[in-house]
Amino acid sequence: MISYRKELWFQTNRRRELINITGEVERCVAESGIKEGFVLVNAMHITASVFINDDESGLHSDFESWLEKLAPEEPHSQYEHNGFEDNADAHLKRSIMGREVVIAVTAGKLDFGPWEQVFYGEFDGKRRKRVLVKIIGE
């Protein structure tokens, strides 16, 4: 069995952003040389997410609206967590969108269904954060 590990780093310009990282994950699979196995992609920060969905701008806008209804950023005073920080909503958004994804690798490629793409979701941005890519297989 072969094991591969790489960190991807992101710094967003806005507090919340969705970034398609499929190409970077595909490059990791190619670098690993693994033809059959699994890739784990996970956000290494508690206010960021990794998830799989469609890369469609209307859907991304819908995610933003939906997440703001479930965990609105303001008023900051609505959250017990907010005192020293103002990011309680980002913690909740991450819990909703998830920490990681696991994707099968078949014949050296990500084994996706139609339209599936990997996204990094940032909910408390404007600083450097990392995503772990761990691939195991043969």
N, C-alpha and C. Protein backbone atom coordinates (compact mmCIF):
# COMPACT_ATOMS: atom_id res chain seq x y z
N MET A 1 0.85 -1.18 0.00
CA MET A 1 0.00 0.00 0.00
C MET A 1 0.89 1.24 0.00
N ILE A 2 0.47 2.23 -0.76
CA ILE A 2 1.16 3.52 -0.84
C ILE A 2 0.34 4.55 -0.08
N SER A 3 1.05 5.49 0.57
CA SER A 3 0.40 6.59 1.26
C SER A 3 0.98 7.90 0.75
N TYR A 4 0.13 8.89 0.54
CA TYR A 4 0.53 10.20 0.02
C TYR A 4 -0.16 11.26 0.87
N ARG A 5 0.57 12.33 1.19
CA ARG A 5 0.01 13.43 1.99
C ARG A 5 0.48 14.76 1.42
N LYS A 6 -0.45 15.70 1.28
CA LYS A 6 -0.10 17.04 0.83
C LYS A 6 -1.05 18.04 1.48
N GLU A 7 -0.54 19.22 1.80
CA GLU A 7 -1.37 20.30 2.31
C GLU A 7 -1.58 21.33 1.20
N LEU A 8 -2.81 21.74 1.02
CA LEU A 8 -3.17 22.82 0.11
C LEU A 8 -3.48 24.03 0.96
N TRP A 9 -2.98 25.19 0.59
CA TRP A 9 -3.19 26.41 1.37
C TRP A 9 -4.05 27.39 0.60
N PHE A 10 -4.95 28.06 1.32
CA PHE A 10 -5.86 29.02 0.71
C PHE A 10 -5.92 30.28 1.57
N GLN A 11 -6.03 31.41 0.91
CA GLN A 11 -6.31 32.67 1.59
C GLN A 11 -7.34 33.41 0.75
N THR A 12 -8.51 33.59 1.31
CA THR A 12 -9.59 34.23 0.57
C THR A 12 -9.57 35.74 0.78
N ASN A 13 -10.21 36.44 -0.14
CA ASN A 13 -10.31 37.90 -0.05
C ASN A 13 -11.56 38.34 0.68
N ARG A 14 -12.51 37.42 0.81
CA ARG A 14 -13.77 37.73 1.49
C ARG A 14 -13.95 36.81 2.69
N ARG A 15 -14.87 37.16 3.55
CA ARG A 15 -15.14 36.33 4.72
C ARG A 15 -15.66 34.96 4.32
N ARG A 16 -16.54 34.92 3.31
CA ARG A 16 -17.10 33.65 2.85
C ARG A 16 -16.84 33.48 1.36
N GLU A 17 -16.31 32.31 1.02
CA GLU A 17 -16.08 31.97 -0.39
C GLU A 17 -16.16 30.48 -0.57
N LEU A 18 -16.57 30.08 -1.76
CA LEU A 18 -16.53 28.68 -2.17
C LEU A 18 -15.53 28.58 -3.31
N ILE A 19 -14.55 27.68 -3.18
CA ILE A 19 -13.49 27.53 -4.17
C ILE A 19 -13.50 26.10 -4.68
N ASN A 20 -13.57 25.95 -5.99
CA ASN A 20 -13.50 24.63 -6.61
C ASN A 20 -12.04 24.17 -6.56
N ILE A 21 -11.78 23.09 -5.82
CA ILE A 21 -10.41 22.58 -5.68
C ILE A 21 -10.24 21.22 -6.36
N THR A 22 -11.18 20.86 -7.23
CA THR A 22 -11.12 19.56 -7.91
C THR A 22 -9.81 19.37 -8.64
N GLY A 23 -9.38 20.37 -9.40
CA GLY A 23 -8.14 20.26 -10.16
C GLY A 23 -6.94 20.01 -9.28
N GLU A 24 -6.89 20.67 -8.14
CA GLU A 24 -5.76 20.47 -7.22
C GLU A 24 -5.77 19.07 -6.63
N VAL A 25 -6.97 18.55 -6.33
CA VAL A 25 -7.06 17.18 -5.81
C VAL A 25 -6.67 16.19 -6.90
N GLU A 26 -7.10 16.44 -8.13
CA GLU A 26 -6.70 15.57 -9.25
C GLU A 26 -5.18 15.55 -9.43
N ARG A 27 -4.53 16.72 -9.29
CA ARG A 27 -3.07 16.77 -9.39
C ARG A 27 -2.41 15.95 -8.28
N CYS A 28 -3.00 15.98 -7.10
CA CYS A 28 -2.47 15.17 -5.99
C CYS A 28 -2.56 13.69 -6.32
N VAL A 29 -3.68 13.27 -6.89
CA VAL A 29 -3.83 11.85 -7.27
C VAL A 29 -2.77 11.48 -8.29
N ALA A 30 -2.56 12.34 -9.28
CA ALA A 30 -1.54 12.06 -10.30
C ALA A 30 -0.14 11.98 -9.67
N GLU A 31 0.18 12.94 -8.78
CA GLU A 31 1.48 12.95 -8.10
C GLU A 31 1.69 11.69 -7.26
N SER A 32 0.62 11.20 -6.66
CA SER A 32 0.73 10.05 -5.76
C SER A 32 1.09 8.76 -6.49
N GLY A 33 0.70 8.67 -7.75
CA GLY A 33 0.91 7.44 -8.50
C GLY A 33 -0.06 6.34 -8.15
N ILE A 34 -0.99 6.62 -7.27
CA ILE A 34 -1.96 5.62 -6.82
C ILE A 34 -3.04 5.44 -7.90
N LYS A 35 -3.28 4.19 -8.26
CA LYS A 35 -4.27 3.88 -9.30
C LYS A 35 -5.60 3.41 -8.72
N GLU A 36 -5.54 2.75 -7.57
CA GLU A 36 -6.75 2.23 -6.91
C GLU A 36 -6.65 2.53 -5.42
N GLY A 37 -7.65 3.23 -4.89
CA GLY A 37 -7.61 3.56 -3.48
C GLY A 37 -8.64 4.61 -3.11
N PHE A 38 -8.28 5.42 -2.13
CA PHE A 38 -9.18 6.45 -1.63
C PHE A 38 -8.41 7.72 -1.35
N VAL A 39 -9.07 8.83 -1.56
CA VAL A 39 -8.50 10.14 -1.20
C VAL A 39 -9.41 10.79 -0.17
N LEU A 40 -8.79 11.25 0.90
CA LEU A 40 -9.47 12.01 1.94
C LEU A 40 -9.06 13.47 1.73
N VAL A 41 -10.04 14.36 1.70
CA VAL A 41 -9.77 15.79 1.59
C VAL A 41 -10.50 16.44 2.75
N ASN A 42 -9.73 17.06 3.67
CA ASN A 42 -10.41 17.67 4.82
C ASN A 42 -9.83 19.03 5.19
N ALA A 43 -10.74 19.89 5.62
CA ALA A 43 -10.37 21.22 6.08
C ALA A 43 -9.71 21.09 7.44
N MET A 44 -8.58 21.77 7.61
CA MET A 44 -7.82 21.69 8.85
C MET A 44 -8.10 22.88 9.77
N HIS A 45 -9.23 23.55 9.53
CA HIS A 45 -9.63 24.69 10.35
C HIS A 45 -11.12 24.55 10.67
N ILE A 46 -11.51 24.93 11.85
CA ILE A 46 -12.85 24.71 12.38
C ILE A 46 -13.90 25.64 11.77
N THR A 47 -13.48 26.62 10.98
CA THR A 47 -14.43 27.53 10.33
C THR A 47 -14.37 27.41 8.81
N ALA A 48 -13.91 26.26 8.33
CA ALA A 48 -13.85 25.99 6.89
C ALA A 48 -14.37 24.59 6.64
N SER A 49 -14.73 24.31 5.39
CA SER A 49 -15.38 23.05 5.05
C SER A 49 -14.83 22.52 3.74
N VAL A 50 -14.95 21.22 3.55
CA VAL A 50 -14.74 20.59 2.25
C VAL A 50 -15.98 19.77 1.96
N PHE A 51 -16.53 19.94 0.76
CA PHE A 51 -17.75 19.21 0.39
C PHE A 51 -17.76 18.96 -1.11
N ILE A 52 -18.67 18.11 -1.54
CA ILE A 52 -18.84 17.78 -2.96
C ILE A 52 -20.20 18.25 -3.40
N ASN A 53 -20.22 18.95 -4.54
CA ASN A 53 -21.49 19.35 -5.15
C ASN A 53 -21.22 19.83 -6.56
N ASP A 54 -22.22 20.44 -7.17
CA ASP A 54 -22.16 20.94 -8.53
C ASP A 54 -21.49 22.32 -8.56
N ASP A 55 -20.73 22.60 -9.60
CA ASP A 55 -20.09 23.91 -9.75
C ASP A 55 -21.00 24.79 -10.60
N GLU A 56 -22.02 25.33 -9.96
CA GLU A 56 -23.02 26.14 -10.65
C GLU A 56 -23.28 27.38 -9.80
N SER A 57 -23.14 28.56 -10.39
CA SER A 57 -23.18 29.81 -9.63
C SER A 57 -24.52 30.02 -8.91
N GLY A 58 -25.63 29.63 -9.52
CA GLY A 58 -26.92 29.77 -8.85
C GLY A 58 -26.99 28.93 -7.59
N LEU A 59 -26.45 27.72 -7.66
CA LEU A 59 -26.41 26.85 -6.49
C LEU A 59 -25.52 27.45 -5.41
N HIS A 60 -24.40 28.02 -5.79
CA HIS A 60 -23.50 28.65 -4.81
C HIS A 60 -24.19 29.82 -4.11
N SER A 61 -24.95 30.58 -4.86
CA SER A 61 -25.73 31.67 -4.28
C SER A 61 -26.79 31.11 -3.33
N ASP A 62 -27.40 30.00 -3.71
CA ASP A 62 -28.40 29.35 -2.85
C ASP A 62 -27.77 28.87 -1.55
N PHE A 63 -26.55 28.31 -1.62
CA PHE A 63 -25.85 27.90 -0.41
C PHE A 63 -25.67 29.10 0.53
N GLU A 64 -25.22 30.22 -0.02
CA GLU A 64 -24.99 31.43 0.78
C GLU A 64 -26.29 31.86 1.47
N SER A 65 -27.38 31.92 0.72
CA SER A 65 -28.67 32.34 1.29
C SER A 65 -29.14 31.37 2.36
N TRP A 66 -29.04 30.09 2.07
CA TRP A 66 -29.50 29.04 2.99
C TRP A 66 -28.69 29.06 4.28
N LEU A 67 -27.36 29.15 4.15
CA LEU A 67 -26.51 29.17 5.34
C LEU A 67 -26.75 30.42 6.19
N GLU A 68 -27.01 31.55 5.54
CA GLU A 68 -27.28 32.79 6.29
C GLU A 68 -28.62 32.70 7.03
N LYS A 69 -29.57 31.96 6.49
CA LYS A 69 -30.84 31.76 7.20
C LYS A 69 -30.64 30.86 8.42
N LEU A 70 -29.81 29.83 8.25
CA LEU A 70 -29.58 28.88 9.34
C LEU A 70 -28.67 29.44 10.43
N ALA A 71 -27.64 30.18 10.02
CA ALA A 71 -26.66 30.72 10.96
C ALA A 71 -26.23 32.10 10.49
N PRO A 72 -27.08 33.10 10.70
CA PRO A 72 -26.75 34.45 10.22
C PRO A 72 -25.51 35.02 10.92
N GLU A 73 -24.71 35.73 10.14
CA GLU A 73 -23.50 36.34 10.71
C GLU A 73 -23.84 37.39 11.77
N GLU A 74 -24.86 38.20 11.49
CA GLU A 74 -25.21 39.30 12.39
C GLU A 74 -26.64 39.17 12.88
N PRO A 75 -26.97 39.67 14.02
CA PRO A 75 -26.06 40.42 14.92
C PRO A 75 -25.12 39.46 15.64
N HIS A 76 -23.88 39.90 15.81
CA HIS A 76 -22.88 39.07 16.47
C HIS A 76 -23.28 38.74 17.90
N SER A 77 -24.07 39.62 18.51
CA SER A 77 -24.47 39.44 19.92
C SER A 77 -25.43 38.27 20.14
N GLN A 78 -25.96 37.68 19.07
CA GLN A 78 -26.88 36.55 19.23
C GLN A 78 -26.18 35.26 19.65
N TYR A 79 -24.86 35.24 19.59
CA TYR A 79 -24.10 34.02 19.87
C TYR A 79 -23.31 34.14 21.17
N GLU A 80 -23.38 33.12 21.99
CA GLU A 80 -22.60 33.05 23.23
C GLU A 80 -21.11 33.01 22.94
N HIS A 81 -20.72 32.36 21.85
CA HIS A 81 -19.30 32.23 21.47
C HIS A 81 -18.66 33.58 21.20
N ASN A 82 -19.43 34.49 20.62
CA ASN A 82 -18.86 35.78 20.21
C ASN A 82 -18.60 36.65 21.43
N GLY A 83 -17.39 37.02 21.57
CA GLY A 83 -16.92 37.89 22.64
C GLY A 83 -15.58 38.39 22.17
N PHE A 84 -14.59 37.52 22.30
CA PHE A 84 -13.26 37.83 21.77
C PHE A 84 -13.27 37.75 20.25
N GLU A 85 -14.07 36.83 19.71
CA GLU A 85 -14.17 36.63 18.26
C GLU A 85 -15.60 36.95 17.81
N ASP A 86 -15.78 37.05 16.51
CA ASP A 86 -17.12 37.29 15.96
C ASP A 86 -17.48 36.24 14.92
N ASN A 87 -17.02 35.00 15.13
CA ASN A 87 -17.17 34.00 14.08
C ASN A 87 -18.00 32.78 14.46
N ALA A 88 -18.89 32.92 15.42
CA ALA A 88 -19.74 31.78 15.80
C ALA A 88 -20.50 31.24 14.60
N ASP A 89 -21.00 32.13 13.75
CA ASP A 89 -21.74 31.68 12.57
C ASP A 89 -20.88 30.80 11.67
N ALA A 90 -19.58 31.11 11.57
CA ALA A 90 -18.68 30.32 10.72
C ALA A 90 -18.51 28.91 11.27
N HIS A 91 -18.45 28.76 12.58
CA HIS A 91 -18.37 27.43 13.19
C HIS A 91 -19.62 26.62 12.86
N LEU A 92 -20.78 27.25 12.95
CA LEU A 92 -22.04 26.56 12.66
C LEU A 92 -22.14 26.20 11.18
N LYS A 93 -21.74 27.10 10.30
CA LYS A 93 -21.78 26.83 8.86
C LYS A 93 -20.89 25.65 8.52
N ARG A 94 -19.72 25.58 9.14
CA ARG A 94 -18.82 24.46 8.90
C ARG A 94 -19.47 23.14 9.34
N SER A 95 -20.16 23.18 10.49
CA SER A 95 -20.83 21.97 10.96
C SER A 95 -21.89 21.49 9.98
N ILE A 96 -22.57 22.43 9.36
CA ILE A 96 -23.61 22.09 8.38
C ILE A 96 -23.00 21.54 7.09
N MET A 97 -21.94 22.16 6.59
CA MET A 97 -21.36 21.79 5.30
C MET A 97 -20.38 20.63 5.38
N GLY A 98 -19.88 20.35 6.56
CA GLY A 98 -19.02 19.17 6.73
C GLY A 98 -17.54 19.48 6.74
N ARG A 99 -16.81 18.56 7.33
CA ARG A 99 -15.37 18.70 7.50
C ARG A 99 -14.57 18.14 6.35
N GLU A 100 -15.02 16.98 5.78
CA GLU A 100 -14.21 16.30 4.79
C GLU A 100 -15.06 15.50 3.81
N VAL A 101 -14.35 15.03 2.77
CA VAL A 101 -14.95 14.09 1.82
C VAL A 101 -13.95 12.97 1.59
N VAL A 102 -14.47 11.81 1.25
CA VAL A 102 -13.67 10.67 0.83
C VAL A 102 -14.13 10.30 -0.57
N ILE A 103 -13.17 10.16 -1.48
CA ILE A 103 -13.50 9.88 -2.88
C ILE A 103 -12.71 8.65 -3.31
N ALA A 104 -13.37 7.74 -3.99
CA ALA A 104 -12.69 6.57 -4.55
C ALA A 104 -11.77 7.01 -5.68
N VAL A 105 -10.64 6.34 -5.77
CA VAL A 105 -9.73 6.52 -6.90
C VAL A 105 -9.76 5.22 -7.69
N THR A 106 -10.12 5.32 -8.95
CA THR A 106 -10.22 4.16 -9.84
C THR A 106 -9.46 4.46 -11.11
N ALA A 107 -8.56 3.57 -11.47
CA ALA A 107 -7.73 3.73 -12.67
C ALA A 107 -7.00 5.08 -12.65
N GLY A 108 -6.58 5.52 -11.46
CA GLY A 108 -5.81 6.74 -11.32
C GLY A 108 -6.60 8.03 -11.42
N LYS A 109 -7.92 7.93 -11.37
CA LYS A 109 -8.80 9.12 -11.48
C LYS A 109 -9.79 9.16 -10.32
N LEU A 110 -10.25 10.39 -9.99
CA LEU A 110 -11.32 10.52 -9.02
C LEU A 110 -12.57 9.89 -9.60
N ASP A 111 -13.20 9.03 -8.84
CA ASP A 111 -14.36 8.27 -9.32
C ASP A 111 -15.64 9.00 -8.91
N PHE A 112 -16.01 10.00 -9.72
CA PHE A 112 -17.14 10.88 -9.45
C PHE A 112 -18.39 10.47 -10.20
N GLY A 113 -19.55 10.88 -9.65
CA GLY A 113 -20.79 10.85 -10.39
C GLY A 113 -20.88 12.10 -11.26
N PRO A 114 -21.92 12.18 -12.09
CA PRO A 114 -22.08 13.34 -12.97
C PRO A 114 -22.12 14.64 -12.16
N TRP A 115 -21.39 15.62 -12.62
CA TRP A 115 -21.37 16.99 -12.10
C TRP A 115 -20.65 17.15 -10.76
N GLU A 116 -20.19 16.08 -10.14
CA GLU A 116 -19.56 16.21 -8.84
C GLU A 116 -18.20 16.91 -8.94
N GLN A 117 -17.99 17.85 -8.02
CA GLN A 117 -16.75 18.61 -7.90
C GLN A 117 -16.44 18.77 -6.41
N VAL A 118 -15.17 18.97 -6.08
CA VAL A 118 -14.75 19.16 -4.69
C VAL A 118 -14.59 20.66 -4.43
N PHE A 119 -15.16 21.12 -3.30
CA PHE A 119 -15.10 22.53 -2.94
C PHE A 119 -14.50 22.74 -1.57
N TYR A 120 -13.76 23.82 -1.46
CA TYR A 120 -13.32 24.35 -0.18
C TYR A 120 -14.29 25.47 0.16
N GLY A 121 -14.94 25.38 1.30
CA GLY A 121 -15.86 26.41 1.75
C GLY A 121 -15.23 27.19 2.90
N GLU A 122 -15.05 28.47 2.69
CA GLU A 122 -14.47 29.34 3.72
C GLU A 122 -15.58 30.18 4.32
N PHE A 123 -15.67 30.19 5.65
CA PHE A 123 -16.74 30.91 6.33
C PHE A 123 -16.23 31.99 7.29
N ASP A 124 -14.91 32.09 7.44
CA ASP A 124 -14.30 33.11 8.29
C ASP A 124 -12.93 33.45 7.70
N GLY A 125 -12.93 33.97 6.50
CA GLY A 125 -11.72 34.11 5.70
C GLY A 125 -10.85 35.30 5.98
N LYS A 126 -10.08 35.62 4.95
CA LYS A 126 -9.10 36.70 4.94
C LYS A 126 -7.85 36.35 5.73
N ARG A 127 -7.59 35.05 5.88
CA ARG A 127 -6.34 34.59 6.47
C ARG A 127 -6.03 33.21 5.91
N ARG A 128 -4.77 32.83 6.00
CA ARG A 128 -4.32 31.55 5.42
C ARG A 128 -4.85 30.36 6.21
N LYS A 129 -5.39 29.40 5.43
CA LYS A 129 -5.86 28.15 6.03
C LYS A 129 -5.49 27.01 5.11
N ARG A 130 -5.49 25.79 5.67
CA ARG A 130 -5.04 24.66 4.89
C ARG A 130 -6.07 23.54 4.81
N VAL A 131 -5.89 22.76 3.77
CA VAL A 131 -6.69 21.56 3.52
C VAL A 131 -5.71 20.39 3.38
N LEU A 132 -6.01 19.30 4.04
CA LEU A 132 -5.19 18.09 3.96
C LEU A 132 -5.73 17.18 2.87
N VAL A 133 -4.83 16.69 2.02
CA VAL A 133 -5.16 15.65 1.04
C VAL A 133 -4.35 14.43 1.42
N LYS A 134 -5.02 13.34 1.74
CA LYS A 134 -4.38 12.08 2.13
C LYS A 134 -4.90 10.99 1.21
N ILE A 135 -4.00 10.31 0.52
CA ILE A 135 -4.39 9.28 -0.43
C ILE A 135 -3.72 7.98 -0.02
N ILE A 136 -4.52 6.91 0.01
CA ILE A 136 -3.96 5.58 0.28
C ILE A 136 -4.48 4.64 -0.79
N GLY A 137 -3.63 3.69 -1.13
CA GLY A 137 -4.00 2.70 -2.14
C GLY A 137 -2.79 2.08 -2.75
N GLU A 138 -2.97 1.61 -3.97
CA GLU A 138 -1.83 0.97 -4.67
C GLU A 138 -1.85 1.33 -6.14
